[in-house]
Amino acid sequence: MQVASLNAQKEQKDVILLSATGSGKTLAFLLPLVEQLKQNSTTTTAIIIVPSRELALQIETVFKSLQLNLKVTCCYGGHKREIEENNLKQAPA
């Protein structure tokens, strides 16, 4: 899945990934995005919008597992917004 995604995104601007659960779609769409991110940026360089809290947390976990020294903030409802605001102000861990 990841190789197919990287190849497709080199040739096309818009790519849709369809495959079974557990096949690597999250990493497949994160890898091309990571290639475009600047590591020492002090501003927001990407926003990923997903339909559920569970998917947002899964993407955050996969992104952090890459250990790229890039800041990621997962924003979703159900808790105080100050938590997210404070996280956005902090430097990468």
C-alpha atoms as a PDB file:
ATOM      1  CA  MET A   1       0.000   0.000   0.000  1.00  0.00           C
ATOM      2  CA  GLN A   2       2.742   2.479   0.918  1.00  0.00           C
ATOM      3  CA  VAL A   3       4.760   1.903  -2.279  1.00  0.00           C
ATOM      4  CA  ALA A   4       1.637   2.152  -4.440  1.00  0.00           C
ATOM      5  CA  SER A   5       0.655   5.383  -2.694  1.00  0.00           C
ATOM      6  CA  LEU A   6       4.092   6.975  -3.087  1.00  0.00           C
ATOM      7  CA  ASN A   7       4.177   6.087  -6.787  1.00  0.00           C
ATOM      8  CA  ALA A   8       0.639   7.329  -7.428  1.00  0.00           C
ATOM      9  CA  GLN A   9       1.255  10.625  -5.633  1.00  0.00           C
ATOM     10  CA  LYS A  10       4.342  11.299  -7.747  1.00  0.00           C
ATOM     11  CA  GLU A  11       2.147  11.120 -10.849  1.00  0.00           C
ATOM     12  CA  GLN A  12      -1.166  12.552  -9.612  1.00  0.00           C
ATOM     13  CA  LYS A  13      -2.163  15.474  -7.399  1.00  0.00           C
ATOM     14  CA  ASP A  14      -5.232  13.734  -5.946  1.00  0.00           C
ATOM     15  CA  VAL A  15      -5.120  10.088  -4.887  1.00  0.00           C
ATOM     16  CA  ILE A  16      -7.805   7.928  -3.265  1.00  0.00           C
ATOM     17  CA  LEU A  17      -6.654   4.921  -1.248  1.00  0.00           C
ATOM     18  CA  LEU A  18      -9.088   2.012  -0.975  1.00  0.00           C
ATOM     19  CA  SER A  19      -8.109  -1.161   0.853  1.00  0.00           C
ATOM     20  CA  ALA A  20      -8.970  -3.360   3.797  1.00  0.00           C
ATOM     21  CA  THR A  21      -8.470  -2.460   7.441  1.00  0.00           C
ATOM     22  CA  GLY A  22      -4.904  -3.045   8.554  1.00  0.00           C
ATOM     23  CA  SER A  23      -3.398  -2.753   5.083  1.00  0.00           C
ATOM     24  CA  GLY A  24      -1.350   0.375   5.815  1.00  0.00           C
ATOM     25  CA  LYS A  25      -3.488   3.249   4.489  1.00  0.00           C
ATOM     26  CA  THR A  26      -2.554   5.607   7.328  1.00  0.00           C
ATOM     27  CA  LEU A  27       1.159   5.288   6.704  1.00  0.00           C
ATOM     28  CA  ALA A  28       0.517   5.316   2.949  1.00  0.00           C
ATOM     29  CA  PHE A  29      -0.951   8.817   3.076  1.00  0.00           C
ATOM     30  CA  LEU A  30       1.397  10.115   5.796  1.00  0.00           C
ATOM     31  CA  LEU A  31       4.665   9.253   4.016  1.00  0.00           C
ATOM     32  CA  PRO A  32       4.131  11.588   1.019  1.00  0.00           C
ATOM     33  CA  LEU A  33       2.939  14.315   3.389  1.00  0.00           C
ATOM     34  CA  VAL A  34       6.028  13.964   5.582  1.00  0.00           C
ATOM     35  CA  GLU A  35       8.230  14.375   2.506  1.00  0.00           C
ATOM     36  CA  GLN A  36       6.693  17.835   2.022  1.00  0.00           C
ATOM     37  CA  LEU A  37       6.971  19.053   5.616  1.00  0.00           C
ATOM     38  CA  LYS A  38       9.793  21.312   6.763  1.00  0.00           C
ATOM     39  CA  GLN A  39      11.375  20.007   9.954  1.00  0.00           C
ATOM     40  CA  ASN A  40      12.235  23.294  11.660  1.00  0.00           C
ATOM     41  CA  SER A  41       9.077  25.198  10.799  1.00  0.00           C
ATOM     42  CA  THR A  42       7.509  27.241  13.595  1.00  0.00           C
ATOM     43  CA  THR A  43       4.141  27.463  11.867  1.00  0.00           C
ATOM     44  CA  THR A  44       1.406  24.989  11.022  1.00  0.00           C
ATOM     45  CA  THR A  45       2.319  23.309   7.745  1.00  0.00           C
ATOM     46  CA  ALA A  46      -0.393  20.661   7.423  1.00  0.00           C
ATOM     47  CA  ILE A  47      -3.890  19.976   8.675  1.00  0.00           C
ATOM     48  CA  ILE A  48      -5.457  16.531   8.389  1.00  0.00           C
ATOM     49  CA  ILE A  49      -9.235  16.443   8.792  1.00  0.00           C
ATOM     50  CA  VAL A  50     -10.899  13.109   9.524  1.00  0.00           C
ATOM     51  CA  PRO A  51     -14.469  12.098  10.410  1.00  0.00           C
ATOM     52  CA  SER A  52     -13.880  10.535  13.837  1.00  0.00           C
ATOM     53  CA  ARG A  53     -11.899  10.950  17.039  1.00  0.00           C
ATOM     54  CA  GLU A  54     -10.703   7.356  16.819  1.00  0.00           C
ATOM     55  CA  LEU A  55      -9.198   7.894  13.359  1.00  0.00           C
ATOM     56  CA  ALA A  56      -7.617  11.185  14.465  1.00  0.00           C
ATOM     57  CA  LEU A  57      -5.957   9.432  17.416  1.00  0.00           C
ATOM     58  CA  GLN A  58      -4.794   6.575  15.183  1.00  0.00           C
ATOM     59  CA  ILE A  59      -3.180   9.022  12.748  1.00  0.00           C
ATOM     60  CA  GLU A  60      -1.530  10.888  15.637  1.00  0.00           C
ATOM     61  CA  THR A  61      -0.110   7.613  16.999  1.00  0.00           C
ATOM     62  CA  VAL A  62       1.271   6.536  13.614  1.00  0.00           C
ATOM     63  CA  PHE A  63       2.731  10.000  12.966  1.00  0.00           C
ATOM     64  CA  LYS A  64       4.457  10.072  16.357  1.00  0.00           C
ATOM     65  CA  SER A  65       5.794   6.544  15.836  1.00  0.00           C
ATOM     66  CA  LEU A  66       7.786   7.870  12.871  1.00  0.00           C
ATOM     67  CA  GLN A  67       9.910   9.889  15.355  1.00  0.00           C
ATOM     68  CA  LEU A  68      10.573  12.736  12.936  1.00  0.00           C
ATOM     69  CA  ASN A  69      10.938  15.562  15.457  1.00  0.00           C
ATOM     70  CA  LEU A  70       7.842  17.152  13.944  1.00  0.00           C
ATOM     71  CA  LYS A  71       5.068  18.568  16.114  1.00  0.00           C
ATOM     72  CA  VAL A  72       1.652  16.944  15.898  1.00  0.00           C
ATOM     73  CA  THR A  73      -1.466  18.142  17.702  1.00  0.00           C
ATOM     74  CA  CYS A  74      -4.635  16.079  17.638  1.00  0.00           C
ATOM     75  CA  CYS A  75      -7.715  18.304  17.990  1.00  0.00           C
ATOM     76  CA  TYR A  76     -11.183  16.895  18.630  1.00  0.00           C
ATOM     77  CA  GLY A  77     -14.250  17.553  20.747  1.00  0.00           C
ATOM     78  CA  GLY A  78     -15.116  16.223  24.153  1.00  0.00           C
ATOM     79  CA  HIS A  79     -12.569  18.024  26.326  1.00  0.00           C
ATOM     80  CA  LYS A  80     -11.463  21.582  27.131  1.00  0.00           C
ATOM     81  CA  ARG A  81     -10.104  23.435  24.112  1.00  0.00           C
ATOM     82  CA  GLU A  82      -7.361  24.905  26.314  1.00  0.00           C
ATOM     83  CA  ILE A  83      -5.661  21.502  26.256  1.00  0.00           C
ATOM     84  CA  GLU A  84      -5.264  21.767  22.490  1.00  0.00           C
ATOM     85  CA  GLU A  85      -4.333  25.458  22.608  1.00  0.00           C
ATOM     86  CA  ASN A  86      -1.544  24.755  25.102  1.00  0.00           C
ATOM     87  CA  ASN A  87      -0.311  21.810  23.029  1.00  0.00           C
ATOM     88  CA  LEU A  88      -0.178  24.029  19.923  1.00  0.00           C
ATOM     89  CA  LYS A  89       2.019  26.533  21.790  1.00  0.00           C
ATOM     90  CA  GLN A  90       4.553  23.958  22.999  1.00  0.00           C
ATOM     91  CA  ALA A  91       7.702  23.062  21.093  1.00  0.00           C
ATOM     92  CA  PRO A  92       8.076  19.605  19.537  1.00  0.00           C
ATOM     93  CA  ALA A  93       8.882  16.852  22.008  1.00  0.00           C
END
